[in-house]
Protein backbone atom coordinates (compact mmCIF):
# COMPACT_ATOMS: atom_id res chain seq x y z
CA MET A 1 43.68 52.16 43.37
CA ASP A 2 45.51 54.72 42.86
CA SER A 3 46.51 53.90 39.44
CA TYR A 4 46.33 57.02 37.11
CA PRO A 5 48.76 60.18 36.68
CA GLN A 6 47.25 63.18 38.00
CA ASP A 7 44.53 64.38 35.08
CA PHE A 8 45.21 61.84 32.78
CA PRO A 9 41.95 59.94 32.33
CA PHE A 10 43.67 56.52 32.04
CA GLY A 11 46.40 54.39 33.05
CA ILE A 12 49.14 51.96 32.13
CA MET A 13 47.51 49.16 32.25
CA ASP A 14 44.80 50.55 29.74
CA VAL A 15 48.43 51.36 27.43
CA VAL A 16 48.89 47.52 28.21
CA GLU A 17 45.28 46.14 27.05
CA LEU A 18 45.45 48.75 23.85
CA LEU A 19 48.85 47.27 22.67
CA HIS A 20 47.85 43.42 23.53
CA LEU A 21 50.57 42.77 25.41
CA HIS A 22 50.77 39.59 27.41
CA ILE A 23 50.18 39.42 31.07
CA ARG A 24 52.82 36.35 32.01
CA ARG A 25 52.69 37.10 35.92
CA ARG A 26 51.50 39.40 38.29
CA GLN A 27 52.97 40.99 41.14
CA ALA A 28 51.80 43.55 44.13
CA ASN A 29 52.41 46.81 42.07
CA SER A 30 53.23 45.66 38.70
CA VAL A 31 52.89 42.57 36.30
CA TYR A 32 55.33 40.81 34.48
CA VAL A 33 54.58 41.34 30.41
CA ASP A 34 56.21 40.37 26.98
CA CYS A 35 58.28 42.83 25.83
CA PRO A 36 57.48 44.47 22.28
CA PHE A 37 60.78 45.94 21.46
CA CYS A 38 63.46 42.67 22.30
CA ASN A 39 60.58 40.19 21.36
CA ASP A 40 61.62 38.41 23.94
CA ARG A 41 58.66 36.22 25.58
CA ARG A 42 59.76 35.32 29.22
CA GLY A 43 57.82 38.06 30.26
CA LYS A 44 60.73 40.17 31.36
CA MET A 45 59.25 43.97 31.10
CA ASN A 46 58.16 45.02 34.83
CA VAL A 47 54.98 47.47 34.22
CA ASN A 48 53.94 49.45 37.15
CA TYR A 49 50.19 50.37 37.46
CA VAL A 50 51.10 52.19 40.34
CA LYS A 51 53.80 54.84 39.23
CA ASN A 52 52.91 54.39 35.79
CA VAL A 53 56.50 53.17 34.57
CA TRP A 54 57.89 50.22 33.01
CA ARG A 55 60.74 48.72 32.07
CA CYS A 56 62.62 45.74 30.42
CA ASN A 57 64.51 43.95 32.53
CA TYR A 58 66.01 41.69 29.87
CA CYS A 59 66.74 44.82 27.25
CA GLY A 60 66.68 47.30 29.25
CA GLU A 61 64.31 49.69 27.05
CA HIS A 62 61.97 51.70 30.11
CA GLY A 63 59.70 54.76 30.42
CA GLY A 64 56.48 56.16 31.06
CA MET A 65 53.01 55.14 29.65
CA LEU A 66 52.60 57.30 26.83
CA ALA A 67 56.39 56.86 26.00
CA LEU A 68 55.24 53.04 25.86
CA TYR A 69 52.51 53.56 23.40
CA ALA A 70 54.80 56.39 21.48
CA SER A 71 57.36 53.71 20.63
CA VAL A 72 55.60 50.95 19.49
CA ASN A 73 53.78 53.07 17.15
CA ASN A 74 56.66 55.21 16.23
CA THR A 75 54.87 58.44 17.04
CA THR A 76 55.04 61.21 19.48
CA ASN A 77 54.06 61.08 23.21
CA SER A 78 51.37 64.07 21.98
CA ASP A 79 50.36 62.55 19.52
CA ALA A 80 50.11 58.97 21.63
CA TYR A 81 47.90 61.00 24.32
CA ARG A 82 45.68 61.72 21.71
CA GLU A 83 45.56 58.64 19.75
CA ILE A 84 44.54 56.76 23.42
CA CYS A 85 41.71 58.94 24.08
CA ASP A 86 40.46 58.31 20.62
CA ILE A 87 40.27 54.95 21.65
CA LEU A 88 39.46 54.87 24.59
CA GLN A 89 36.65 57.30 23.62
CA THR A 90 37.45 59.90 26.71
CA ASP A 91 37.18 63.27 26.16
CA PRO A 92 39.11 64.43 29.21
CA PRO A 93 38.36 68.33 29.88
CA TRP A 94 41.61 69.52 28.49
CA GLY A 95 42.32 72.35 25.98
CA TYR A 96 45.50 73.43 24.22
CA GLU A 97 47.22 75.26 27.21
CA ALA A 98 46.61 72.22 29.34
CA GLU A 99 47.90 70.37 26.98
CA LYS A 100 50.82 72.19 26.75
CA LYS A 101 51.17 72.34 30.30
CA TYR A 102 51.63 68.76 31.03
CA PHE A 103 53.70 67.70 28.23
CA GLY A 104 55.68 70.93 28.47
CA CYS A 105 55.79 71.07 31.80
CA ALA A 106 59.10 71.46 33.58
CA GLY A 107 60.32 68.06 35.79
CA ALA A 108 58.55 65.93 32.65
CA SER A 109 60.61 63.08 31.60
CA ASN A 110 60.74 62.71 27.87
CA GLY A 111 57.03 64.57 27.75
CA GLU A 112 55.91 62.20 30.32
CA PRO A 113 52.70 63.86 32.51
CA ARG A 114 53.32 64.16 36.39
CA ILE A 115 52.42 61.28 38.40
CA GLY A 116 49.58 61.66 41.51
CA SER A 117 46.40 61.14 42.40
CA SER A 118 43.94 59.53 40.10
CA TYR A 119 41.69 61.56 37.75
CA PRO A 120 38.79 61.86 39.50
CA ASP A 121 35.80 62.22 36.46
CA ARG A 122 37.35 59.08 34.36
CA ALA A 123 34.69 59.63 31.17
CA GLN A 124 34.64 56.11 30.61
CA GLU A 125 35.65 52.88 32.14
CA THR A 126 37.72 50.72 30.04
CA SER A 127 38.31 46.82 29.70
CA ALA A 128 41.46 46.88 31.24
CA GLU A 129 41.37 44.73 34.13
CA VAL A 130 41.48 46.67 37.81
CA LEU A 131 44.24 44.92 39.39
CA GLU A 132 44.05 44.59 43.36
CA GLU A 133 47.41 45.10 45.43
CA VAL A 134 48.35 42.30 47.46
CA PRO A 135 49.40 44.26 51.12
CA GLN A 136 53.75 43.62 51.27
CA SER A 137 55.76 43.57 54.22
CA LYS A 138 58.99 46.04 54.60
CA ARG A 139 61.97 44.62 53.83
CA ALA A 140 63.54 43.64 57.01
CA SER A 141 67.30 44.88 57.60
CA ASP A 142 70.25 43.34 56.16
CA GLN A 143 71.76 41.46 59.38
CA GLU A 144 68.18 39.92 59.81
CA ILE A 145 67.87 38.55 56.10
CA HIS A 146 70.99 37.59 56.58
CA GLN A 147 70.70 35.46 59.94
CA THR A 148 67.52 33.59 58.64
CA TYR A 149 69.00 32.30 55.52
CA SER A 150 71.95 31.56 57.10
CA LEU A 151 69.71 29.25 59.61
CA LEU A 152 67.50 28.24 56.67
CA LEU A 153 70.22 27.09 55.16
CA GLU A 154 71.72 25.36 58.06
CA MET A 155 68.37 23.14 58.15
CA LEU A 156 68.75 22.14 54.99
CA SER A 157 71.10 19.58 52.90
CA LEU A 158 71.71 18.63 49.24
CA THR A 159 70.92 16.35 47.66
CA ASP A 160 73.24 13.22 45.91
CA ARG A 161 71.15 14.09 42.84
CA HIS A 162 72.29 18.07 43.03
CA ARG A 163 75.62 16.80 44.28
CA ARG A 164 76.59 14.90 41.40
CA HIS A 165 75.61 17.61 38.66
CA LEU A 166 77.81 20.14 40.97
CA ARG A 167 80.72 17.90 40.49
CA SER A 168 80.40 16.82 36.83
CA PRO A 169 82.14 18.20 34.26
CA LYS A 170 79.62 21.17 33.32
CA ARG A 171 80.27 22.73 36.68
CA GLY A 172 83.59 21.37 37.87
CA LEU A 173 83.73 21.26 41.25
CA THR A 174 84.92 19.68 44.29
CA ASP A 175 82.81 18.24 47.26
CA GLU A 176 84.92 20.79 49.60
CA GLN A 177 84.18 23.79 47.30
CA ILE A 178 80.46 22.93 47.42
CA ASP A 179 79.92 23.39 51.31
CA SER A 180 82.25 25.91 51.33
CA LEU A 181 79.79 27.91 48.92
CA GLY A 182 76.73 26.67 51.15
CA TYR A 183 74.97 25.24 48.24
CA LYS A 184 71.81 23.16 49.34
CA SER A 185 68.66 22.01 47.93
CA THR A 186 65.17 23.16 48.48
CA PRO A 187 63.34 21.61 51.07
CA PRO A 188 59.53 19.35 50.29
CA VAL A 189 56.62 21.17 50.80
CA PHE A 190 55.38 19.67 53.66
CA LEU A 191 58.30 20.83 55.51
CA CYS A 192 57.49 24.94 54.52
CA ARG A 193 55.51 25.30 57.48
CA SER A 194 58.04 23.46 60.21
CA LEU A 195 60.83 25.12 59.14
CA THR A 196 59.40 28.71 59.62
CA GLU A 197 58.39 27.80 62.84
CA ARG A 198 61.77 26.41 64.00
CA LEU A 199 63.25 29.60 62.60
CA THR A 200 61.09 31.94 64.43
CA ALA A 201 61.75 29.98 67.76
CA LYS A 202 65.50 30.77 67.58
CA GLY A 203 64.91 34.69 67.16
CA CYS A 204 65.12 34.99 63.51
CA THR A 205 62.88 37.06 61.53
CA VAL A 206 60.96 36.41 59.14
CA GLN A 207 58.63 39.11 57.93
CA GLY A 208 60.17 41.25 55.34
CA VAL A 209 62.52 38.36 54.71
CA PRO A 210 62.52 37.31 50.27
CA GLY A 211 60.72 33.95 50.51
CA PHE A 212 58.75 34.19 53.63
CA TYR A 213 54.82 35.28 53.76
CA GLN A 214 51.68 35.44 56.04
CA LEU A 215 49.11 32.93 56.10
CA GLU A 216 45.54 33.30 56.04
CA ASP A 217 45.33 32.38 59.77
CA GLY A 218 48.30 34.69 61.02
CA ASN A 219 51.14 32.38 60.88
CA TRP A 220 53.78 32.57 58.97
CA SER A 221 55.47 30.37 56.01
CA VAL A 222 58.12 30.19 53.42
CA LYS A 223 57.67 29.74 49.57
CA PHE A 224 58.93 26.48 48.79
CA ASN A 225 57.11 24.43 45.86
CA LYS A 226 57.70 21.59 43.43
CA ARG A 227 57.17 23.70 40.77
CA THR A 228 60.44 25.81 41.87
CA ALA A 229 62.58 22.77 42.97
CA GLY A 230 65.78 22.75 42.53
CA ILE A 231 69.73 24.05 44.21
CA LEU A 232 69.82 27.32 46.26
CA ILE A 233 72.53 29.41 45.46
CA PRO A 234 73.73 32.66 48.18
CA ALA A 235 73.79 35.54 46.86
CA LYS A 236 76.65 37.51 49.22
CA GLY A 237 77.13 41.37 49.06
CA LEU A 238 80.61 42.75 49.75
CA ASP A 239 79.99 42.81 53.40
CA GLY A 240 79.80 39.07 53.32
CA LEU A 241 76.17 39.07 53.81
CA ILE A 242 73.97 36.73 52.70
CA HIS A 243 71.74 39.69 50.67
CA GLY A 244 68.69 36.91 48.76
CA ILE A 245 69.02 33.42 46.78
CA GLN A 246 68.76 31.95 43.91
CA ILE A 247 67.45 28.71 42.48
CA LEU A 248 69.09 26.90 39.75
CA LEU A 249 65.87 25.18 38.78
CA ASP A 250 65.43 20.92 38.31
CA VAL A 251 63.05 21.62 35.65
CA PRO A 252 63.54 25.43 33.74
CA LEU A 253 59.92 27.05 33.78
CA ARG A 254 58.51 27.46 30.43
CA ASN A 255 54.88 29.18 29.42
CA GLU A 256 52.55 28.04 27.67
CA ASN A 257 52.62 30.13 24.33
CA ASP A 258 56.90 29.64 24.58
CA PRO A 259 57.81 28.67 20.48
CA PRO A 260 59.26 25.18 21.22
CA ASP A 261 63.20 26.66 20.92
CA LYS A 262 62.51 28.47 24.03
CA VAL A 263 64.24 26.52 26.84
CA GLY A 264 62.41 28.73 29.41
CA ALA A 265 64.09 29.83 32.93
CA LYS A 266 66.45 28.11 34.60
CA TYR A 267 67.45 30.42 37.91
CA ILE A 268 64.36 32.15 39.55
CA TRP A 269 64.78 34.74 42.76
CA PHE A 270 63.80 32.95 45.91
CA SER A 271 60.84 35.53 46.23
CA SER A 272 57.42 35.93 47.82
CA SER A 273 56.43 38.99 46.24
CA THR A 274 53.37 37.42 45.08
CA LYS A 275 52.40 36.59 48.32
CA TYR A 276 50.47 38.51 51.37
CA MET A 277 52.92 40.29 53.62
CA GLY A 278 55.51 38.65 51.42
CA THR A 279 58.59 40.54 49.99
CA THR A 280 60.32 40.86 46.51
CA SER A 281 64.02 39.59 46.34
CA GLY A 282 65.13 42.81 44.74
CA SER A 283 67.74 41.31 43.10
CA PRO A 284 71.14 41.98 45.02
CA VAL A 285 74.63 41.82 43.36
CA HIS A 286 76.34 38.83 44.31
CA PHE A 287 80.24 39.10 44.88
CA VAL A 288 82.68 36.62 45.49
CA GLY A 289 86.60 36.83 46.41
CA ASN A 290 88.71 39.96 48.04
CA PRO A 291 87.20 43.07 48.25
CA PHE A 292 89.90 44.96 48.08
CA ALA A 293 91.44 43.41 44.77
CA ARG A 294 92.90 46.05 42.46
CA THR A 295 91.03 43.79 39.61
CA VAL A 296 87.26 42.66 39.54
CA TYR A 297 85.67 41.11 37.13
CA VAL A 298 81.59 41.35 36.47
CA THR A 299 79.60 38.46 34.68
CA GLU A 300 75.94 37.49 34.15
CA GLY A 301 74.55 34.74 37.06
CA LEU A 302 75.95 33.85 40.21
CA LEU A 303 76.75 30.23 39.99
CA LYS A 304 79.08 30.84 36.54
CA ALA A 305 81.05 33.67 39.06
CA ASP A 306 81.34 31.48 41.75
CA ILE A 307 83.22 28.31 39.82
CA ALA A 308 85.37 31.45 37.06
CA HIS A 309 85.83 32.65 40.85
CA LEU A 310 87.33 28.92 42.03
CA LEU A 311 88.83 28.41 38.62
CA MET A 312 90.86 31.28 38.30
CA ASN A 313 91.43 32.74 41.69
CA ARG A 314 89.82 36.51 40.71
CA SER A 315 87.09 38.93 42.41
CA PHE A 316 83.73 38.41 40.57
CA VAL A 317 80.43 40.26 40.79
CA ALA A 318 77.35 38.19 39.64
CA ILE A 319 74.16 40.24 38.00
CA ALA A 320 71.11 38.09 37.15
CA GLY A 321 70.76 39.49 33.83
CA ALA A 322 72.61 41.61 31.45
CA ASN A 323 70.96 44.91 31.81
CA ASN A 324 70.15 44.52 35.56
CA VAL A 325 72.88 47.06 36.23
CA SER A 326 71.48 49.52 38.39
CA ARG A 327 72.77 48.36 41.43
CA LEU A 328 76.20 47.90 40.78
CA ASP A 329 76.61 51.26 40.97
CA LEU A 330 76.91 51.26 45.00
CA LEU A 331 78.64 48.18 44.80
CA PHE A 332 81.21 50.20 42.26
CA THR A 333 81.24 53.14 44.69
CA LEU A 334 82.64 50.90 47.65
CA LEU A 335 85.26 49.18 45.35
CA ALA A 336 86.47 52.13 44.32
CA GLN A 337 86.98 53.30 47.97
CA ASN A 338 88.57 49.78 48.64
CA GLY A 339 91.12 50.36 45.80
CA THR A 340 89.71 48.49 42.89
CA GLU A 341 91.45 50.15 39.67
CA LEU A 342 90.08 48.10 37.10
CA ILE A 343 86.49 46.10 36.15
CA VAL A 344 86.40 43.48 33.78
CA GLU A 345 83.40 42.53 31.43
CA ALA A 346 82.84 39.09 31.37
CA HIS A 347 79.72 38.63 29.99
CA ASP A 348 78.49 35.18 28.12
CA MET A 349 79.76 35.54 24.18
CA ASP A 350 76.31 36.09 22.89
CA LYS A 351 77.20 39.44 24.13
CA TYR A 352 78.36 39.79 20.22
CA SER A 353 75.21 38.45 18.99
CA ASN A 354 72.51 39.77 20.98
CA GLU A 355 72.08 42.98 21.19
CA ALA A 356 70.51 43.55 24.60
CA ILE A 357 73.27 41.77 26.19
CA SER A 358 75.80 43.89 24.41
CA GLN A 359 74.05 47.18 25.58
CA GLY A 360 73.96 45.86 29.22
CA ALA A 361 77.85 45.28 28.67
CA SER A 362 78.03 48.69 27.48
CA LYS A 363 76.34 50.31 30.97
CA ILE A 364 79.05 48.30 32.91
CA TYR A 365 81.53 50.76 30.92
CA LEU A 366 79.70 54.07 31.66
CA MET A 367 79.54 52.96 35.36
CA ALA A 368 83.64 51.99 36.00
CA ARG A 369 84.42 55.29 34.25
CA LYS A 370 81.65 57.20 36.70
CA HIS A 371 83.41 56.25 39.56
CA GLY A 372 87.14 56.82 38.38
CA MET A 373 87.83 53.06 37.65
CA ASP A 374 88.86 51.58 34.10
CA CYS A 375 86.94 49.02 32.39
CA ARG A 376 88.02 46.71 29.69
CA ARG A 377 86.50 43.30 27.81
CA LEU A 378 87.27 39.83 28.23
CA THR A 379 86.70 37.74 25.32
CA TRP A 380 88.60 33.97 25.24
CA ASN A 381 87.54 31.27 23.01
CA PRO A 382 84.22 31.33 21.34
CA ASN A 383 84.20 27.64 21.31
CA TYR A 384 83.07 28.31 24.93
CA LYS A 385 79.79 30.58 26.20
CA GLY A 386 80.65 31.59 29.44
CA VAL A 387 83.87 32.17 30.84
CA ASP A 388 83.19 29.17 33.54
CA ASP A 389 82.87 27.05 30.55
CA TRP A 390 86.10 28.66 28.89
CA GLN A 391 87.92 27.71 32.58
CA LEU A 392 86.92 24.81 32.37
CA ALA A 393 88.15 23.99 29.03
CA LEU A 394 91.60 25.38 29.36
CA ARG A 395 91.84 23.03 32.54
CA ARG A 396 91.26 20.00 30.17
CA LYS A 397 93.40 21.62 27.93
CA GLU A 398 96.68 18.73 28.34
CA ILE A 399 93.70 15.97 27.67
CA GLN A 400 93.70 17.03 23.68
CA LYS A 401 97.68 16.55 23.72
CA LYS A 402 97.21 12.52 24.53
CA GLU A 403 95.97 11.30 21.05
CA GLU A 404 99.29 13.59 19.24
CA ALA A 405 101.37 11.77 21.98
CA SER A 406 99.79 8.39 21.07
CA MET A 407 100.82 8.84 17.47
CA ASN A 408 103.99 6.67 15.91
CA PHE A 409 106.44 8.73 13.93
CA LYS A 410 104.78 8.07 10.72
CA ALA A 411 101.92 9.09 11.51
CA ARG A 412 102.81 12.43 12.83
CA TYR A 413 105.09 13.26 9.77
CA LEU A 414 101.82 12.14 7.20
CA SER A 415 99.54 14.56 9.26
CA GLY A 416 102.52 17.31 9.80
CA LEU A 417 102.62 17.32 12.96
CA CYS A 418 106.90 16.78 12.97
CA GLU A 419 109.56 16.54 10.42
CA MET A 420 111.74 13.55 9.19
CA ASP A 421 114.52 14.99 11.82
CA ASP A 422 111.98 13.83 14.25
CA ILE A 423 112.72 10.58 13.48
CA ASN A 424 116.24 10.80 15.50
CA ARG A 425 114.49 11.55 18.88
CA SER A 426 111.96 8.98 18.22
CA VAL A 427 114.96 6.08 18.16
CA GLU A 428 116.88 7.52 21.12
CA THR A 429 113.76 6.98 22.90
CA TRP A 430 112.71 2.94 21.99
CA GLN A 431 116.73 2.63 22.62
CA ARG A 432 116.26 3.90 26.35
CA ASN A 433 113.24 2.02 26.67
CA GLN A 434 114.41 -1.28 28.18
CA GLU A 435 111.33 -3.38 27.91
CA GLN A 436 111.00 -3.23 23.96
CA ASP A 437 107.97 -5.63 23.34
CA VAL A 438 108.38 -4.07 19.52
CA GLY A 439 110.81 -3.38 16.94
CA LEU A 440 111.90 -0.77 15.76
CA ASN A 441 110.19 -0.55 13.14
CA GLY A 442 106.89 -1.36 14.53
CA TYR A 443 107.95 1.54 16.89
CA LEU A 444 108.25 4.00 13.53
CA GLY A 445 105.39 2.65 12.30
CA LEU A 446 107.73 1.80 9.34
CA THR A 447 106.90 -1.46 7.50
CA GLU A 448 109.21 -3.40 6.30
CA GLY A 449 110.49 -1.76 3.40
CA GLU A 450 110.22 1.41 4.66
CA TYR A 451 112.27 0.20 7.50
CA ALA A 452 114.74 -1.40 4.78
CA VAL A 453 115.12 2.10 2.63
CA LEU A 454 115.63 3.79 6.09
CA LEU A 455 118.22 1.25 6.57
CA GLN A 456 120.39 1.23 3.21
CA ASP A 457 119.40 4.50 2.30
CA GLY A 458 118.70 7.08 4.90
CA GLN A 459 116.38 9.32 5.74
CA ASN A 460 116.13 11.53 2.81
CA VAL A 461 115.12 9.16 0.88
CA LEU A 462 112.72 7.51 2.55
CA LYS A 463 111.18 11.35 3.37
CA GLU A 464 110.69 10.72 -0.30
CA LEU A 465 109.34 7.19 -0.17
CA LEU A 466 106.65 8.92 2.58
CA ASP A 467 106.25 12.16 1.10
CA THR A 468 104.17 10.11 -1.57
CA GLN A 469 101.87 9.09 0.64
CA CYS A 470 101.06 12.74 1.73
CA ARG A 471 100.11 15.80 0.14
CA LYS A 472 99.86 19.65 0.76
CA CYS A 473 96.17 20.73 1.81
CA CYS A 474 95.80 24.76 1.87
CA PHE A 475 93.40 26.53 3.29
CA ARG A 476 92.06 29.98 4.75
CA ILE A 477 89.88 30.98 7.87
CA TYR A 478 87.29 33.86 7.92
CA GLN A 479 85.94 35.42 11.38
CA LEU A 480 82.90 37.85 11.61
CA ASP A 481 85.07 40.99 12.22
CA PHE A 482 83.41 43.27 14.84
CA GLU A 483 85.07 46.81 13.90
CA GLU A 484 81.96 48.15 12.20
CA GLU A 485 78.96 46.05 13.76
CA PRO A 486 79.75 45.02 17.46
CA THR A 487 76.75 42.43 17.57
CA ILE A 488 75.84 40.41 14.45
CA PRO A 489 72.71 38.24 15.41
CA PHE A 490 74.29 34.74 14.40
CA ALA A 491 78.13 34.89 16.07
CA PHE A 492 79.14 32.14 17.40
CA LEU A 493 76.19 30.71 16.90
CA GLY A 494 75.17 27.26 14.52
CA ILE A 495 73.83 27.62 10.91
CA GLU A 496 70.24 27.77 11.87
CA ALA A 497 71.08 31.50 13.60
CA LEU A 498 72.71 32.12 10.53
CA HIS A 499 69.61 31.21 8.67
CA LYS A 500 67.04 32.90 11.05
CA ALA A 501 69.22 36.26 10.73
CA GLY A 502 68.01 36.34 7.27
CA PHE A 503 70.75 34.42 5.78
CA LYS A 504 71.33 31.79 3.02
CA GLN A 505 74.81 32.04 2.62
CA PRO A 506 77.61 33.46 4.96
CA PRO A 507 77.43 37.40 4.22
CA ALA A 508 80.90 37.49 3.33
CA ALA A 509 80.91 41.40 3.78
CA LYS A 510 80.77 40.67 7.38
CA TYR A 511 83.95 38.48 7.42
CA ARG A 512 87.56 39.28 7.71
CA LEU A 513 90.37 36.61 6.30
CA VAL A 514 92.72 36.27 10.03
CA CYS A 515 94.69 32.90 8.68
CA GLU A 516 96.10 31.78 5.34
CA ASP A 517 98.73 28.70 5.24
CA SER A 518 98.96 24.65 4.33
CA ILE A 519 99.56 21.46 6.22
CA ARG A 520 100.21 17.98 5.48
CA VAL A 521 97.78 15.70 5.19
CA PRO A 522 97.58 12.39 4.46
CA ARG A 523 97.02 11.45 0.56
CA GLU A 524 93.95 9.61 1.27
CA GLN A 525 92.75 11.49 4.05
CA SER A 526 88.79 13.19 3.63
CA ASP A 527 88.06 17.05 3.53
CA ASP A 528 85.61 15.53 7.00
CA GLU A 529 89.12 14.29 8.69
CA ILE A 530 91.00 17.95 7.34
CA LEU A 531 88.55 19.58 8.46
CA GLN A 532 88.16 18.25 11.92
CA ARG A 533 92.25 18.67 12.43
CA LEU A 534 92.06 22.18 11.61
CA PHE A 535 88.99 22.57 14.69
CA ILE A 536 91.58 20.41 16.90
CA ARG A 537 94.95 22.89 16.05
CA TYR A 538 92.81 26.27 15.86
CA SER A 539 90.18 25.71 18.75
CA THR A 540 92.67 26.70 21.53
CA PRO A 541 95.08 29.95 20.37
CA ARG A 542 97.66 29.85 18.73
CA GLU A 543 100.28 32.33 17.50
CA ASP A 544 100.08 31.67 13.83
CA CYS A 545 96.06 32.54 14.00
CA PRO A 546 95.77 36.09 15.12
CA LYS A 547 92.08 37.44 16.35
CA ARG A 548 90.43 34.41 18.44
CA CYS A 549 89.74 30.84 17.87
CA LEU A 550 88.41 28.76 15.19
CA ALA A 551 84.69 28.66 16.54
CA ALA A 552 81.25 28.23 15.11
CA SER A 553 80.14 31.23 12.68
CA ASP A 554 83.76 30.54 11.00
CA VAL A 555 84.33 29.61 7.30
CA VAL A 556 86.99 27.86 6.41
CA GLU A 557 88.15 27.52 2.91
CA LEU A 558 90.21 23.82 1.07
CA TYR A 559 91.99 24.28 -2.04
CA ASP A 560 93.79 23.27 -4.23
CA GLU A 561 95.18 24.16 -8.03
CA GLU A 562 91.77 22.47 -9.28
CA GLN A 563 88.91 23.39 -6.68
CA ARG A 564 87.99 25.75 -3.43
CA LEU A 565 85.98 24.52 -1.28
CA TYR A 566 83.78 26.52 1.54
CA PHE A 567 82.60 25.38 4.98
CA TYR A 568 80.35 26.85 8.32
CA ARG A 569 81.67 25.85 11.01
CA ASP A 570 78.28 24.91 13.05
CA LEU A 571 77.98 23.90 16.45
CA GLU A 572 79.31 20.24 16.22
CA THR A 573 80.56 20.28 12.76
CA PHE A 574 81.28 21.65 9.69
CA VAL A 575 78.77 22.53 6.98
CA PRO A 576 79.49 23.41 2.62
CA VAL A 577 78.35 27.03 1.29
CA ARG A 578 78.70 29.20 -0.77
CA PHE A 579 81.11 31.81 -0.18
CA SER A 580 82.28 34.91 -1.83
CA PRO A 581 85.87 35.97 -0.74
CA ALA A 582 86.19 38.78 -2.72
CA PHE A 583 83.89 40.54 -0.43
CA ALA A 584 85.58 39.90 2.73
CA LYS A 585 87.79 42.05 4.25
CA PRO A 586 91.68 40.86 3.88
CA ILE A 587 93.76 39.53 6.55
CA ALA A 588 95.19 42.48 9.24
CA GLU A 589 99.01 43.19 9.29
CA ARG A 590 100.33 42.06 12.53
CA GLN A 591 101.50 44.20 14.68
CA SER A 592 104.94 42.02 15.69
CA ASP A 593 105.49 41.85 12.09
CA ASN A 594 108.17 45.10 12.56
CA GLY A 595 109.55 43.71 15.20
């Protein structure tokens, strides 16, 4: 196997073994291992033992085999070479001039040696496993892949279970939209052979199409199995052709060594790269919408892009992984030629807490500008992780108003939702109601004594009476400030994420005061009830609260003349915490104050 660089007595698999990198899965010319840089334990780092290079598809780190060892051990490439030779007890016939030649040669990247034929006189065999290559088919043409996938999807159906999931509030699709998107369910394993035979009988090409492979008897089959059962999501290009298929798994894939809090892989590509004469998926870019749109959004995930496109009526590009941006280069070239002027980055809101996702988003900016297009970041209500979740929530926005609309005048007044003059509107509404099943005092929510005060003494005296039943609650809202730190590990996450980031209490120095106000509340209303009211009030955009909506990782202060209480917004509720507001940044002046 040609796996060593020219005149090097070891290969990258020796480095993998020396660093004790856990191999998760093997492919024809490479293996996937856990990344030692981002510490992701899902096997996202690809190590190509033919080219002796590596790249993490999650954090984007990459390089040659010496850079891998040097980066992990915080040393130089030349020192890495010497240490590896010492550990492997290898003594190559290199002198100072030879070493200088190879580490300083023109064309070498980051001190990496040239890639060439294997070293002929390897001094000693290491314990690194020698991996045999699995022969692969040359990828079929785009038209052949599209034809095969199109007919395959026509042969399949969508189960009732999968259709219910796509129609659920989590996805929000209609039957018509589901059918138009072409989603189907993976077939039973026993149909794989017959499906392939039917495709070939119709003149379709299967060799070189990702997902298909050759059996020992020379016939062809397609790689569907029970472990990877789920919903098939076509990945279409700007040309409208299907270039690949992603599977939304029924059961996320987990490795036995994964920590308990790891959810597992929810999406995988339909591929046959581990099979004889199979083909890798290539992680194609997905496009949905108008190919000549002036503004195009970029997000992570095919299904997310499809849903957001339908809800927003905007053109979307989807990549499979925040750092999987290399294939955007060609697409951006075509979009720029088509007249696209603005690229909008719409990655999930964990781009504020995850450095790898933040780096991937930054690459989109650079690539857009490279092709002469502007780029900006889309930020939304952080209570919703993805752009699709946010849009689905906006669709349900009217539901939040129903509770307030059903409240009577007294309840609204005591809760600070209206003022005393609103009683006149309530009286007019009651008078217009021809079916008056309830008296005016009951309609207003007043007791008989309060109603008598209204009739005898007027609204001002009633106001004084009702004011004794409510109190003024002062509050402040503090939110993480990203001006100095673009990513904060616990941003928009719960209290556990705060603790995992090494903080027992919210670090006030990372926060900024964004809102200071007061509300009227019933005198007996508890702090928990007040906090929930504030969350409902500020979890949607409001003019009186700058920055973003109230969300997880925000801190709310309730105070009066006697005490100050601080609460951290967890994922579902508020948690009492200690907080030092003196260290928080002061409230920023609004630009509208001068105009």
